[in-house]
């Protein structure tokens, strides 16, 4: 029973370290989001409305855009998070 507890503890620690490493990479690597409408760059944590009347939010590792009526703007090609 003690060995099983140790294995579970080591597994949980490994998962935690992997998640911590992933978040650290995101924080150090990703600098901004790029809007596909006009290729404008927006810093992490920013919110803007583009020329398509989509309100966009750039957050850690992702970008989400919705049109101003509140419907999701799904399938917008070129909306991505970039490190450049």
PDB file of N, CA and C in Angstrom:
ATOM      1  N   UNK A   1       0.812  -1.193   0.000  1.00  0.00           N
ATOM      2  CA  UNK A   1       0.000   0.000   0.000  1.00  0.00           C
ATOM      3  C   UNK A   1       0.857   1.258   0.000  1.00  0.00           C
ATOM      4  N   UNK A   2       1.967   1.207   0.728  1.00  0.00           N
ATOM      5  CA  UNK A   2       2.856   2.365   0.799  1.00  0.00           C
ATOM      6  C   UNK A   2       3.462   2.644  -0.569  1.00  0.00           C
ATOM      7  N   UNK A   3       3.817   1.614  -1.305  1.00  0.00           N
ATOM      8  CA  UNK A   3       4.409   1.788  -2.637  1.00  0.00           C
ATOM      9  C   UNK A   3       3.395   2.424  -3.580  1.00  0.00           C
ATOM     10  N   UNK A   4       2.152   2.002  -3.522  1.00  0.00           N
ATOM     11  CA  UNK A   4       1.114   2.583  -4.369  1.00  0.00           C
ATOM     12  C   UNK A   4       0.926   4.070  -4.061  1.00  0.00           C
ATOM     13  N   UNK A   5       0.929   4.428  -2.789  1.00  0.00           N
ATOM     14  CA  UNK A   5       0.811   5.838  -2.408  1.00  0.00           C
ATOM     15  C   UNK A   5       1.983   6.652  -2.945  1.00  0.00           C
ATOM     16  N   UNK A   6       3.181   6.089  -2.885  1.00  0.00           N
ATOM     17  CA  UNK A   6       4.361   6.781  -3.408  1.00  0.00           C
ATOM     18  C   UNK A   6       4.262   6.974  -4.915  1.00  0.00           C
ATOM     19  N   UNK A   7       3.774   5.958  -5.619  1.00  0.00           N
ATOM     20  CA  UNK A   7       3.624   6.052  -7.074  1.00  0.00           C
ATOM     21  C   UNK A   7       2.614   7.141  -7.429  1.00  0.00           C
ATOM     22  N   UNK A   8       1.501   7.181  -6.720  1.00  0.00           N
ATOM     23  CA  UNK A   8       0.479   8.200  -6.972  1.00  0.00           C
ATOM     24  C   UNK A   8       1.042   9.587  -6.689  1.00  0.00           C
ATOM     25  N   UNK A   9       1.773   9.742  -5.606  1.00  0.00           N
ATOM     26  CA  UNK A   9       2.367  11.027  -5.255  1.00  0.00           C
ATOM     27  C   UNK A   9       3.365  11.478  -6.323  1.00  0.00           C
ATOM     28  N   UNK A  10       4.202  10.576  -6.786  1.00  0.00           N
ATOM     29  CA  UNK A  10       5.180  10.908  -7.829  1.00  0.00           C
ATOM     30  C   UNK A  10       4.473  11.272  -9.128  1.00  0.00           C
ATOM     31  N   UNK A  11       3.423  10.539  -9.480  1.00  0.00           N
ATOM     32  CA  UNK A  11       2.663  10.847 -10.691  1.00  0.00           C
ATOM     33  C   UNK A  11       2.039  12.241 -10.603  1.00  0.00           C
ATOM     34  N   UNK A  12       1.439  12.561  -9.453  1.00  0.00           N
ATOM     35  CA  UNK A  12       0.820  13.883  -9.279  1.00  0.00           C
ATOM     36  C   UNK A  12       1.866  14.989  -9.349  1.00  0.00           C
ATOM     37  N   UNK A  13       3.015  14.770  -8.767  1.00  0.00           N
ATOM     38  CA  UNK A  13       4.091  15.750  -8.826  1.00  0.00           C
ATOM     39  C   UNK A  13       4.558  15.952 -10.259  1.00  0.00           C
ATOM     40  N   UNK A  14       4.682  14.874 -11.018  1.00  0.00           N
ATOM     41  CA  UNK A  14       5.096  14.977 -12.422  1.00  0.00           C
ATOM     42  C   UNK A  14       4.064  15.761 -13.230  1.00  0.00           C
ATOM     43  N   UNK A  15       2.787  15.502 -13.000  1.00  0.00           N
ATOM     44  CA  UNK A  15       1.732  16.249 -13.704  1.00  0.00           C
ATOM     45  C   UNK A  15       1.793  17.729 -13.361  1.00  0.00           C
ATOM     46  N   UNK A  16       1.984  18.039 -12.088  1.00  0.00           N
ATOM     47  CA  UNK A  16       2.076  19.435 -11.659  1.00  0.00           C
ATOM     48  C   UNK A  16       3.265  20.125 -12.312  1.00  0.00           C
ATOM     49  N   UNK A  17       4.407  19.466 -12.346  1.00  0.00           N
ATOM     50  CA  UNK A  17       5.598  20.064 -12.949  1.00  0.00           C
ATOM     51  C   UNK A  17       5.419  20.266 -14.449  1.00  0.00           C
ATOM     52  N   UNK A  18       4.742  19.334 -15.123  1.00  0.00           N
ATOM     53  CA  UNK A  18       4.477  19.499 -16.555  1.00  0.00           C
ATOM     54  C   UNK A  18       3.572  20.700 -16.800  1.00  0.00           C
ATOM     55  N   UNK A  19       2.534  20.859 -15.993  1.00  0.00           N
ATOM     56  CA  UNK A  19       1.638  22.006 -16.149  1.00  0.00           C
ATOM     57  C   UNK A  19       2.372  23.312 -15.857  1.00  0.00           C
ATOM     58  N   UNK A  20       3.200  23.323 -14.832  1.00  0.00           N
ATOM     59  CA  UNK A  20       3.969  24.510 -14.486  1.00  0.00           C
ATOM     60  C   UNK A  20       4.920  24.882 -15.616  1.00  0.00           C
ATOM     61  N   UNK A  21       5.582  23.886 -16.194  1.00  0.00           N
ATOM     62  CA  UNK A  21       6.491  24.116 -17.313  1.00  0.00           C
ATOM     63  C   UNK A  21       5.729  24.679 -18.511  1.00  0.00           C
ATOM     64  N   UNK A  22       4.558  24.127 -18.816  1.00  0.00           N
ATOM     65  CA  UNK A  22       3.742  24.606 -19.929  1.00  0.00           C
ATOM     66  C   UNK A  22       3.338  26.063 -19.726  1.00  0.00           C
ATOM     67  N   UNK A  23       2.883  26.420 -18.533  1.00  0.00           N
ATOM     68  CA  UNK A  23       2.493  27.803 -18.253  1.00  0.00           C
ATOM     69  C   UNK A  23       3.688  28.742 -18.325  1.00  0.00           C
ATOM     70  N   UNK A  24       4.836  28.292 -17.868  1.00  0.00           N
ATOM     71  CA  UNK A  24       6.044  29.112 -17.947  1.00  0.00           C
ATOM     72  C   UNK A  24       6.425  29.373 -19.394  1.00  0.00           C
ATOM     73  N   UNK A  25       6.337  28.362 -20.247  1.00  0.00           N
ATOM     74  CA  UNK A  25       6.622  28.536 -21.675  1.00  0.00           C
ATOM     75  C   UNK A  25       5.655  29.549 -22.280  1.00  0.00           C
ATOM     76  N   UNK A  26       4.374  29.448 -21.954  1.00  0.00           N
ATOM     77  CA  UNK A  26       3.395  30.408 -22.476  1.00  0.00           C
ATOM     78  C   UNK A  26       3.720  31.825 -22.036  1.00  0.00           C
ATOM     79  N   UNK A  27       4.069  31.985 -20.769  1.00  0.00           N
ATOM     80  CA  UNK A  27       4.361  33.321 -20.258  1.00  0.00           C
ATOM     81  C   UNK A  27       5.601  33.921 -20.903  1.00  0.00           C
ATOM     82  N   UNK A  28       6.607  33.107 -21.135  1.00  0.00           N
ATOM     83  CA  UNK A  28       7.859  33.611 -21.693  1.00  0.00           C
ATOM     84  C   UNK A  28       7.830  33.704 -23.206  1.00  0.00           C
ATOM     85  N   UNK A  29       7.060  32.856 -23.866  1.00  0.00           N
ATOM     86  CA  UNK A  29       7.113  32.757 -25.320  1.00  0.00           C
ATOM     87  C   UNK A  29       6.077  33.630 -26.005  1.00  0.00           C
ATOM     88  N   UNK A  30       4.823  33.484 -25.635  1.00  0.00           N
ATOM     89  CA  UNK A  30       3.749  34.206 -26.311  1.00  0.00           C
ATOM     90  C   UNK A  30       3.747  35.662 -25.868  1.00  0.00           C
ATOM     91  N   UNK A  31       3.757  36.552 -26.831  1.00  0.00           N
ATOM     92  CA  UNK A  31       3.828  37.979 -26.535  1.00  0.00           C
ATOM     93  C   UNK A  31       2.561  38.732 -26.908  1.00  0.00           C
ATOM     94  N   UNK A  32       1.846  38.272 -27.922  1.00  0.00           N
ATOM     95  CA  UNK A  32       0.687  39.017 -28.404  1.00  0.00           C
ATOM     96  C   UNK A  32      -0.208  38.122 -29.257  1.00  0.00           C
ATOM     97  N   UNK A  33      -1.372  38.652 -29.608  1.00  0.00           N
ATOM     98  CA  UNK A  33      -2.294  37.986 -30.528  1.00  0.00           C
ATOM     99  C   UNK A  33      -2.317  38.764 -31.836  1.00  0.00           C
ATOM    100  N   UNK A  34      -2.584  38.069 -32.937  1.00  0.00           N
ATOM    101  CA  UNK A  34      -2.654  38.700 -34.255  1.00  0.00           C
ATOM    102  C   UNK A  34      -4.078  38.550 -34.781  1.00  0.00           C
ATOM    103  N   UNK A  35      -4.703  39.682 -35.109  1.00  0.00           N
ATOM    104  CA  UNK A  35      -6.054  39.697 -35.663  1.00  0.00           C
ATOM    105  C   UNK A  35      -5.954  39.470 -37.168  1.00  0.00           C
ATOM    106  N   UNK A  36      -6.696  38.498 -37.691  1.00  0.00           N
ATOM    107  CA  UNK A  36      -6.595  38.181 -39.123  1.00  0.00           C
ATOM    108  C   UNK A  36      -7.237  39.238 -40.010  1.00  0.00           C
ATOM    109  N   UNK A  37      -8.079  40.105 -39.460  1.00  0.00           N
ATOM    110  CA  UNK A  37      -8.743  41.114 -40.287  1.00  0.00           C
ATOM    111  C   UNK A  37      -7.736  42.113 -40.843  1.00  0.00           C
ATOM    112  N   UNK A  38      -6.879  42.632 -39.983  1.00  0.00           N
ATOM    113  CA  UNK A  38      -5.918  43.640 -40.434  1.00  0.00           C
ATOM    114  C   UNK A  38      -4.477  43.315 -40.036  1.00  0.00           C
ATOM    115  N   UNK A  39      -4.251  42.094 -39.569  1.00  0.00           N
ATOM    116  CA  UNK A  39      -2.930  41.642 -39.118  1.00  0.00           C
ATOM    117  C   UNK A  39      -2.359  42.507 -38.003  1.00  0.00           C
ATOM    118  N   UNK A  40      -3.220  43.155 -37.241  1.00  0.00           N
ATOM    119  CA  UNK A  40      -2.744  43.975 -36.128  1.00  0.00           C
ATOM    120  C   UNK A  40      -2.363  43.077 -34.953  1.00  0.00           C
ATOM    121  N   UNK A  41      -1.352  43.516 -34.215  1.00  0.00           N
ATOM    122  CA  UNK A  41      -0.872  42.781 -33.051  1.00  0.00           C
ATOM    123  C   UNK A  41      -1.428  43.436 -31.793  1.00  0.00           C
ATOM    124  N   UNK A  42      -1.848  42.592 -30.848  1.00  0.00           N
ATOM    125  CA  UNK A  42      -2.441  43.078 -29.605  1.00  0.00           C
ATOM    126  C   UNK A  42      -1.789  42.356 -28.434  1.00  0.00           C
ATOM    127  N   UNK A  43      -1.374  43.098 -27.396  1.00  0.00           N
ATOM    128  CA  UNK A  43      -0.692  42.471 -26.263  1.00  0.00           C
ATOM    129  C   UNK A  43      -1.615  41.563 -25.457  1.00  0.00           C
ATOM    130  N   UNK A  44      -1.009  40.620 -24.750  1.00  0.00           N
ATOM    131  CA  UNK A  44      -1.764  39.733 -23.868  1.00  0.00           C
ATOM    132  C   UNK A  44      -2.559  40.574 -22.874  1.00  0.00           C
ATOM    133  N   UNK A  45      -3.798  40.206 -22.662  1.00  0.00           N
ATOM    134  CA  UNK A  45      -4.657  40.905 -21.726  1.00  0.00           C
ATOM    135  C   UNK A  45      -5.460  42.046 -22.334  1.00  0.00           C
ATOM    136  N   UNK A  46      -5.271  42.297 -23.633  1.00  0.00           N
ATOM    137  CA  UNK A  46      -5.969  43.422 -24.259  1.00  0.00           C
ATOM    138  C   UNK A  46      -7.304  42.991 -24.868  1.00  0.00           C
ATOM    139  N   UNK A  47      -8.173  43.976 -25.078  1.00  0.00           N
ATOM    140  CA  UNK A  47      -9.480  43.797 -25.706  1.00  0.00           C
ATOM    141  C   UNK A  47      -9.636  44.880 -26.757  1.00  0.00           C
ATOM    142  N   UNK A  48     -10.171  44.539 -27.929  1.00  0.00           N
ATOM    143  CA  UNK A  48     -10.349  45.510 -29.006  1.00  0.00           C
ATOM    144  C   UNK A  48     -11.508  45.091 -29.894  1.00  0.00           C
ATOM    145  N   UNK A  49     -11.982  46.023 -30.708  1.00  0.00           N
ATOM    146  CA  UNK A  49     -13.007  45.752 -31.710  1.00  0.00           C
ATOM    147  C   UNK A  49     -12.382  45.988 -33.073  1.00  0.00           C
ATOM    148  N   UNK A  50     -12.422  44.973 -33.937  1.00  0.00           N
ATOM    149  CA  UNK A  50     -11.772  45.104 -35.246  1.00  0.00           C
ATOM    150  C   UNK A  50     -12.742  45.633 -36.299  1.00  0.00           C
ATOM    151  N   UNK A  51     -12.282  45.723 -37.534  1.00  0.00           N
ATOM    152  CA  UNK A  51     -13.070  46.263 -38.632  1.00  0.00           C
ATOM    153  C   UNK A  51     -14.269  45.421 -39.020  1.00  0.00           C
ATOM    154  N   UNK A  52     -14.340  44.175 -38.573  1.00  0.00           N
ATOM    155  CA  UNK A  52     -15.503  43.312 -38.818  1.00  0.00           C
ATOM    156  C   UNK A  52     -16.552  43.468 -37.726  1.00  0.00           C
ATOM    157  N   UNK A  53     -16.314  44.421 -36.841  1.00  0.00           N
ATOM    158  CA  UNK A  53     -17.177  44.620 -35.660  1.00  0.00           C
ATOM    159  C   UNK A  53     -17.135  43.420 -34.725  1.00  0.00           C
ATOM    160  N   UNK A  54     -16.008  42.723 -34.697  1.00  0.00           N
ATOM    161  CA  UNK A  54     -15.793  41.639 -33.743  1.00  0.00           C
ATOM    162  C   UNK A  54     -15.052  42.199 -32.543  1.00  0.00           C
ATOM    163  N   UNK A  55     -15.544  41.898 -31.365  1.00  0.00           N
ATOM    164  CA  UNK A  55     -14.839  42.271 -30.135  1.00  0.00           C
ATOM    165  C   UNK A  55     -13.947  41.097 -29.779  1.00  0.00           C
ATOM    166  N   UNK A  56     -12.659  41.361 -29.662  1.00  0.00           N
ATOM    167  CA  UNK A  56     -11.674  40.301 -29.437  1.00  0.00           C
ATOM    168  C   UNK A  56     -10.983  40.487 -28.096  1.00  0.00           C
ATOM    169  N   UNK A  57     -10.620  39.377 -27.504  1.00  0.00           N
ATOM    170  CA  UNK A  57      -9.897  39.359 -26.240  1.00  0.00           C
ATOM    171  C   UNK A  57      -8.659  38.490 -26.433  1.00  0.00           C
ATOM    172  N   UNK A  58      -7.506  39.034 -26.098  1.00  0.00           N
ATOM    173  CA  UNK A  58      -6.246  38.291 -26.162  1.00  0.00           C
ATOM    174  C   UNK A  58      -5.862  37.924 -24.736  1.00  0.00           C
ATOM    175  N   UNK A  59      -5.917  36.637 -24.426  1.00  0.00           N
ATOM    176  CA  UNK A  59      -5.546  36.185 -23.092  1.00  0.00           C
ATOM    177  C   UNK A  59      -4.445  35.145 -23.212  1.00  0.00           C
ATOM    178  N   UNK A  60      -3.973  34.682 -22.091  1.00  0.00           N
ATOM    179  CA  UNK A  60      -2.830  33.786 -22.049  1.00  0.00           C
ATOM    180  C   UNK A  60      -3.045  32.557 -22.921  1.00  0.00           C
ATOM    181  N   UNK A  61      -2.350  32.496 -24.045  1.00  0.00           N
ATOM    182  CA  UNK A  61      -2.378  31.339 -24.918  1.00  0.00           C
ATOM    183  C   UNK A  61      -3.570  31.208 -25.832  1.00  0.00           C
ATOM    184  N   UNK A  62      -4.474  32.180 -25.848  1.00  0.00           N
ATOM    185  CA  UNK A  62      -5.636  32.062 -26.719  1.00  0.00           C
ATOM    186  C   UNK A  62      -6.181  33.433 -27.092  1.00  0.00           C
ATOM    187  N   UNK A  63      -6.960  33.446 -28.159  1.00  0.00           N
ATOM    188  CA  UNK A  63      -7.638  34.653 -28.597  1.00  0.00           C
ATOM    189  C   UNK A  63      -9.071  34.269 -28.919  1.00  0.00           C
ATOM    190  N   UNK A  64     -10.017  35.077 -28.447  1.00  0.00           N
ATOM    191  CA  UNK A  64     -11.429  34.794 -28.684  1.00  0.00           C
ATOM    192  C   UNK A  64     -12.086  36.044 -29.241  1.00  0.00           C
ATOM    193  N   UNK A  65     -12.868  35.872 -30.308  1.00  0.00           N
ATOM    194  CA  UNK A  65     -13.578  36.994 -30.923  1.00  0.00           C
ATOM    195  C   UNK A  65     -15.066  36.662 -31.035  1.00  0.00           C
ATOM    196  N   UNK A  66     -15.915  37.656 -30.755  1.00  0.00           N
ATOM    197  CA  UNK A  66     -17.361  37.544 -30.940  1.00  0.00           C
ATOM    198  C   UNK A  66     -17.828  38.792 -31.659  1.00  0.00           C
ATOM    199  N   UNK A  67     -18.851  38.649 -32.513  1.00  0.00           N
ATOM    200  CA  UNK A  67     -19.364  39.867 -33.137  1.00  0.00           C
ATOM    201  C   UNK A  67     -20.097  40.680 -32.075  1.00  0.00           C
ATOM    202  N   UNK A  68     -20.340  41.939 -32.357  1.00  0.00           N
ATOM    203  CA  UNK A  68     -20.876  42.841 -31.339  1.00  0.00           C
ATOM    204  C   UNK A  68     -22.290  42.493 -30.906  1.00  0.00           C
ATOM    205  N   UNK A  69     -22.970  41.609 -31.637  1.00  0.00           N
ATOM    206  CA  UNK A  69     -24.297  41.177 -31.203  1.00  0.00           C
ATOM    207  C   UNK A  69     -24.213  40.005 -30.234  1.00  0.00           C
ATOM    208  N   UNK A  70     -22.994  39.536 -29.946  1.00  0.00           N
ATOM    209  CA  UNK A  70     -22.806  38.484 -28.961  1.00  0.00           C
ATOM    210  C   UNK A  70     -22.690  37.086 -29.514  1.00  0.00           C
ATOM    211  N   UNK A  71     -22.832  36.914 -30.828  1.00  0.00           N
ATOM    212  CA  UNK A  71     -22.689  35.583 -31.420  1.00  0.00           C
ATOM    213  C   UNK A  71     -21.206  35.263 -31.581  1.00  0.00           C
ATOM    214  N   UNK A  72     -20.782  34.030 -31.302  1.00  0.00           N
ATOM    215  CA  UNK A  72     -19.377  33.672 -31.469  1.00  0.00           C
ATOM    216  C   UNK A  72     -18.944  33.791 -32.929  1.00  0.00           C
ATOM    217  N   UNK A  73     -17.764  34.316 -33.133  1.00  0.00           N
ATOM    218  CA  UNK A  73     -17.189  34.408 -34.482  1.00  0.00           C
ATOM    219  C   UNK A  73     -16.318  33.177 -34.683  1.00  0.00           C
ATOM    220  N   UNK A  74     -16.953  32.045 -34.897  1.00  0.00           N
ATOM    221  CA  UNK A  74     -16.256  30.759 -34.996  1.00  0.00           C
ATOM    222  C   UNK A  74     -15.650  30.607 -36.382  1.00  0.00           C
ATOM    223  N   UNK A  75     -14.470  30.017 -36.435  1.00  0.00           N
ATOM    224  CA  UNK A  75     -13.848  29.703 -37.719  1.00  0.00           C
ATOM    225  C   UNK A  75     -13.140  30.875 -38.365  1.00  0.00           C
ATOM    226  N   UNK A  76     -12.801  31.872 -37.616  1.00  0.00           N
ATOM    227  CA  UNK A  76     -12.042  32.980 -38.182  1.00  0.00           C
ATOM    228  C   UNK A  76     -10.619  32.508 -38.427  1.00  0.00           C
ATOM    229  N   UNK A  77     -10.272  32.334 -39.665  1.00  0.00           N
ATOM    230  CA  UNK A  77      -8.934  31.858 -40.000  1.00  0.00           C
ATOM    231  C   UNK A  77      -7.944  32.981 -39.773  1.00  0.00           C
ATOM    232  N   UNK A  78      -6.802  32.630 -39.239  1.00  0.00           N
ATOM    233  CA  UNK A  78      -5.740  33.595 -39.047  1.00  0.00           C
ATOM    234  C   UNK A  78      -5.729  34.246 -37.678  1.00  0.00           C
ATOM    235  N   UNK A  79      -6.745  34.044 -36.871  1.00  0.00           N
ATOM    236  CA  UNK A  79      -6.707  34.554 -35.503  1.00  0.00           C
ATOM    237  C   UNK A  79      -5.863  33.584 -34.693  1.00  0.00           C
ATOM    238  N   UNK A  80      -4.717  34.033 -34.267  1.00  0.00           N
ATOM    239  CA  UNK A  80      -3.833  33.141 -33.539  1.00  0.00           C
ATOM    240  C   UNK A  80      -2.981  33.926 -32.571  1.00  0.00           C
ATOM    241  N   UNK A  81      -2.373  33.222 -31.663  1.00  0.00           N
ATOM    242  CA  UNK A  81      -1.454  33.802 -30.700  1.00  0.00           C
ATOM    243  C   UNK A  81      -0.058  33.612 -31.251  1.00  0.00           C
ATOM    244  N   UNK A  82       0.740  34.675 -31.210  1.00  0.00           N
ATOM    245  CA  UNK A  82       2.055  34.634 -31.846  1.00  0.00           C
ATOM    246  C   UNK A  82       3.144  35.072 -30.886  1.00  0.00           C
ATOM    247  N   UNK A  83       4.360  34.623 -31.143  1.00  0.00           N
ATOM    248  CA  UNK A  83       5.507  35.013 -30.330  1.00  0.00           C
ATOM    249  C   UNK A  83       6.366  36.053 -31.027  1.00  0.00           C
ATOM    250  N   UNK A  84       6.000  36.465 -32.215  1.00  0.00           N
ATOM    251  CA  UNK A  84       6.832  37.415 -32.956  1.00  0.00           C
ATOM    252  C   UNK A  84       6.395  38.826 -32.734  1.00  0.00           C
TER     253      UNK A  84
END
